[in-house]
């Protein structure tokens, strides 16, 4: 958590310093993403130590309980879409934003 706060501070500082040059600086903060970083044996076992060989389906209820929206994790495409939005002209006046793609995780 401290590292994320440090990153947000750096983003805000860079946004302030680079805004006069029309350079925008933002960050994206996802919750668990359905990748090997989350869906691996060690993580699955840490969420379901009662099972010898837990599957992603076995841990879904635990992950779902972390989010406000009734999903266990976001997909990689969800994060990519947020990044693409911030890179697009549609966000041309957005700077110094920490954009959560977290299904409401940070509001728990």
C-alpha atoms as a PDB file:
ATOM      1  CA  UNK A   1       0.000   0.000   0.000  1.00  0.00           C
ATOM      2  CA  UNK A   2       2.850   2.395   0.775  1.00  0.00           C
ATOM      3  CA  UNK A   3       4.328   1.836  -2.679  1.00  0.00           C
ATOM      4  CA  UNK A   4       1.007   2.738  -4.316  1.00  0.00           C
ATOM      5  CA  UNK A   5       0.807   5.947  -2.276  1.00  0.00           C
ATOM      6  CA  UNK A   6       4.371   6.761  -3.320  1.00  0.00           C
ATOM      7  CA  UNK A   7       3.463   6.227  -6.961  1.00  0.00           C
ATOM      8  CA  UNK A   8       0.428   8.495  -6.645  1.00  0.00           C
ATOM      9  CA  UNK A   9       2.674  11.195  -5.150  1.00  0.00           C
ATOM     10  CA  UNK A  10       5.119  10.909  -8.030  1.00  0.00           C
ATOM     11  CA  UNK A  11       2.260  11.069 -10.566  1.00  0.00           C
ATOM     12  CA  UNK A  12       0.864  14.208  -8.933  1.00  0.00           C
ATOM     13  CA  UNK A  13       4.272  15.873  -8.794  1.00  0.00           C
ATOM     14  CA  UNK A  14       5.005  15.058 -12.431  1.00  0.00           C
ATOM     15  CA  UNK A  15       1.540  16.231 -13.480  1.00  0.00           C
ATOM     16  CA  UNK A  16       2.156  19.599 -11.823  1.00  0.00           C
ATOM     17  CA  UNK A  17       5.623  19.961 -13.308  1.00  0.00           C
ATOM     18  CA  UNK A  18       4.703  18.835 -16.835  1.00  0.00           C
ATOM     19  CA  UNK A  19       1.284  20.471 -17.262  1.00  0.00           C
ATOM     20  CA  UNK A  20       2.766  23.732 -18.612  1.00  0.00           C
ATOM     21  CA  UNK A  21       4.177  21.626 -21.479  1.00  0.00           C
ATOM     22  CA  UNK A  22       0.749  20.031 -22.100  1.00  0.00           C
ATOM     23  CA  UNK A  23       2.021  16.666 -20.863  1.00  0.00           C
ATOM     24  CA  UNK A  24      -0.537  14.710 -18.872  1.00  0.00           C
ATOM     25  CA  UNK A  25       0.423  12.198 -16.183  1.00  0.00           C
ATOM     26  CA  UNK A  26      -2.033   9.663 -14.742  1.00  0.00           C
ATOM     27  CA  UNK A  27      -1.941   6.232 -13.135  1.00  0.00           C
ATOM     28  CA  UNK A  28      -4.201   3.181 -13.333  1.00  0.00           C
ATOM     29  CA  UNK A  29      -4.910   1.098 -10.224  1.00  0.00           C
ATOM     30  CA  UNK A  30      -6.505  -2.284 -10.886  1.00  0.00           C
ATOM     31  CA  UNK A  31      -7.805  -4.804  -8.394  1.00  0.00           C
ATOM     32  CA  UNK A  32      -6.924  -8.468  -8.953  1.00  0.00           C
ATOM     33  CA  UNK A  33      -6.582  -9.166 -12.661  1.00  0.00           C
ATOM     34  CA  UNK A  34      -7.199 -12.605 -14.173  1.00  0.00           C
ATOM     35  CA  UNK A  35      -3.564 -13.289 -15.045  1.00  0.00           C
ATOM     36  CA  UNK A  36      -0.908 -15.728 -13.860  1.00  0.00           C
ATOM     37  CA  UNK A  37       0.045 -13.207 -11.185  1.00  0.00           C
ATOM     38  CA  UNK A  38      -3.230 -14.044  -9.404  1.00  0.00           C
ATOM     39  CA  UNK A  39      -4.313 -17.348 -10.909  1.00  0.00           C
ATOM     40  CA  UNK A  40      -1.334 -19.448  -9.876  1.00  0.00           C
ATOM     41  CA  UNK A  41      -0.978 -22.395  -7.500  1.00  0.00           C
ATOM     42  CA  UNK A  42       0.569 -20.392  -4.646  1.00  0.00           C
ATOM     43  CA  UNK A  43      -2.135 -17.718  -4.625  1.00  0.00           C
ATOM     44  CA  UNK A  44      -4.951 -20.217  -5.065  1.00  0.00           C
ATOM     45  CA  UNK A  45      -3.632 -22.269  -2.142  1.00  0.00           C
ATOM     46  CA  UNK A  46      -3.248 -19.194   0.055  1.00  0.00           C
ATOM     47  CA  UNK A  47      -6.945 -18.413  -0.455  1.00  0.00           C
ATOM     48  CA  UNK A  48      -8.051 -22.038  -0.012  1.00  0.00           C
ATOM     49  CA  UNK A  49      -5.540 -23.790   2.265  1.00  0.00           C
ATOM     50  CA  UNK A  50      -8.226 -26.385   3.048  1.00  0.00           C
ATOM     51  CA  UNK A  51      -7.954 -27.825  -0.484  1.00  0.00           C
ATOM     52  CA  UNK A  52      -5.023 -29.794  -1.892  1.00  0.00           C
ATOM     53  CA  UNK A  53      -5.360 -28.472  -5.428  1.00  0.00           C
ATOM     54  CA  UNK A  54      -7.735 -25.467  -5.551  1.00  0.00           C
ATOM     55  CA  UNK A  55      -8.940 -24.146  -8.880  1.00  0.00           C
ATOM     56  CA  UNK A  56      -9.855 -20.566  -9.807  1.00  0.00           C
ATOM     57  CA  UNK A  57     -13.510 -21.529  -9.308  1.00  0.00           C
ATOM     58  CA  UNK A  58     -12.689 -22.567  -5.724  1.00  0.00           C
ATOM     59  CA  UNK A  59     -11.303 -19.119  -4.850  1.00  0.00           C
ATOM     60  CA  UNK A  60     -13.878 -17.007  -6.711  1.00  0.00           C
ATOM     61  CA  UNK A  61     -16.084 -16.458  -3.632  1.00  0.00           C
ATOM     62  CA  UNK A  62     -13.124 -15.178  -1.607  1.00  0.00           C
ATOM     63  CA  UNK A  63     -11.981 -12.822  -4.361  1.00  0.00           C
ATOM     64  CA  UNK A  64     -15.567 -11.690  -5.014  1.00  0.00           C
ATOM     65  CA  UNK A  65     -15.877 -10.668  -1.356  1.00  0.00           C
ATOM     66  CA  UNK A  66     -13.072  -8.139  -1.869  1.00  0.00           C
ATOM     67  CA  UNK A  67     -15.030  -6.102  -4.435  1.00  0.00           C
ATOM     68  CA  UNK A  68     -18.275  -4.144  -4.328  1.00  0.00           C
ATOM     69  CA  UNK A  69     -19.279  -5.381  -7.764  1.00  0.00           C
ATOM     70  CA  UNK A  70     -20.093  -9.105  -7.776  1.00  0.00           C
ATOM     71  CA  UNK A  71     -16.999 -10.233  -9.697  1.00  0.00           C
ATOM     72  CA  UNK A  72     -13.875 -11.995  -8.434  1.00  0.00           C
ATOM     73  CA  UNK A  73     -11.383 -10.145 -10.637  1.00  0.00           C
ATOM     74  CA  UNK A  74     -11.185  -7.908 -13.661  1.00  0.00           C
ATOM     75  CA  UNK A  75      -9.963  -9.030 -17.055  1.00  0.00           C
ATOM     76  CA  UNK A  76      -6.759  -7.777 -18.625  1.00  0.00           C
ATOM     77  CA  UNK A  77      -8.850  -6.074 -21.308  1.00  0.00           C
ATOM     78  CA  UNK A  78     -10.588  -3.961 -18.643  1.00  0.00           C
ATOM     79  CA  UNK A  79      -7.269  -2.472 -17.578  1.00  0.00           C
ATOM     80  CA  UNK A  80      -6.155  -2.048 -21.192  1.00  0.00           C
ATOM     81  CA  UNK A  81      -9.368  -0.142 -22.012  1.00  0.00           C
ATOM     82  CA  UNK A  82      -8.729   2.277 -19.128  1.00  0.00           C
ATOM     83  CA  UNK A  83      -5.169   2.870 -20.325  1.00  0.00           C
ATOM     84  CA  UNK A  84      -6.345   3.373 -23.914  1.00  0.00           C
ATOM     85  CA  UNK A  85      -8.903   5.908 -22.713  1.00  0.00           C
ATOM     86  CA  UNK A  86      -6.222   7.865 -20.863  1.00  0.00           C
ATOM     87  CA  UNK A  87      -4.041   7.781 -23.981  1.00  0.00           C
ATOM     88  CA  UNK A  88      -6.861   8.988 -26.225  1.00  0.00           C
ATOM     89  CA  UNK A  89      -7.890  12.509 -27.153  1.00  0.00           C
ATOM     90  CA  UNK A  90     -11.123  11.882 -25.257  1.00  0.00           C
ATOM     91  CA  UNK A  91      -9.161  12.346 -22.028  1.00  0.00           C
ATOM     92  CA  UNK A  92      -7.156  15.328 -23.235  1.00  0.00           C
ATOM     93  CA  UNK A  93      -7.929  17.395 -20.136  1.00  0.00           C
ATOM     94  CA  UNK A  94      -7.473  14.642 -17.582  1.00  0.00           C
ATOM     95  CA  UNK A  95      -4.239  14.804 -15.614  1.00  0.00           C
ATOM     96  CA  UNK A  96      -3.042  13.884 -12.125  1.00  0.00           C
ATOM     97  CA  UNK A  97      -5.678  11.152 -11.808  1.00  0.00           C
ATOM     98  CA  UNK A  98      -5.335   7.813 -10.040  1.00  0.00           C
ATOM     99  CA  UNK A  99      -7.926   5.812 -11.987  1.00  0.00           C
ATOM    100  CA  UNK A 100      -9.196   2.732 -10.148  1.00  0.00           C
ATOM    101  CA  UNK A 101     -10.220  -0.227 -12.282  1.00  0.00           C
ATOM    102  CA  UNK A 102     -11.097  -2.162  -9.180  1.00  0.00           C
ATOM    103  CA  UNK A 103     -14.773  -3.169  -9.135  1.00  0.00           C
ATOM    104  CA  UNK A 104     -15.159  -1.019  -6.031  1.00  0.00           C
ATOM    105  CA  UNK A 105     -12.349  -2.771  -4.135  1.00  0.00           C
ATOM    106  CA  UNK A 106     -10.932   0.443  -2.647  1.00  0.00           C
ATOM    107  CA  UNK A 107     -14.343   1.428  -1.283  1.00  0.00           C
ATOM    108  CA  UNK A 108     -14.564  -1.567   1.051  1.00  0.00           C
END
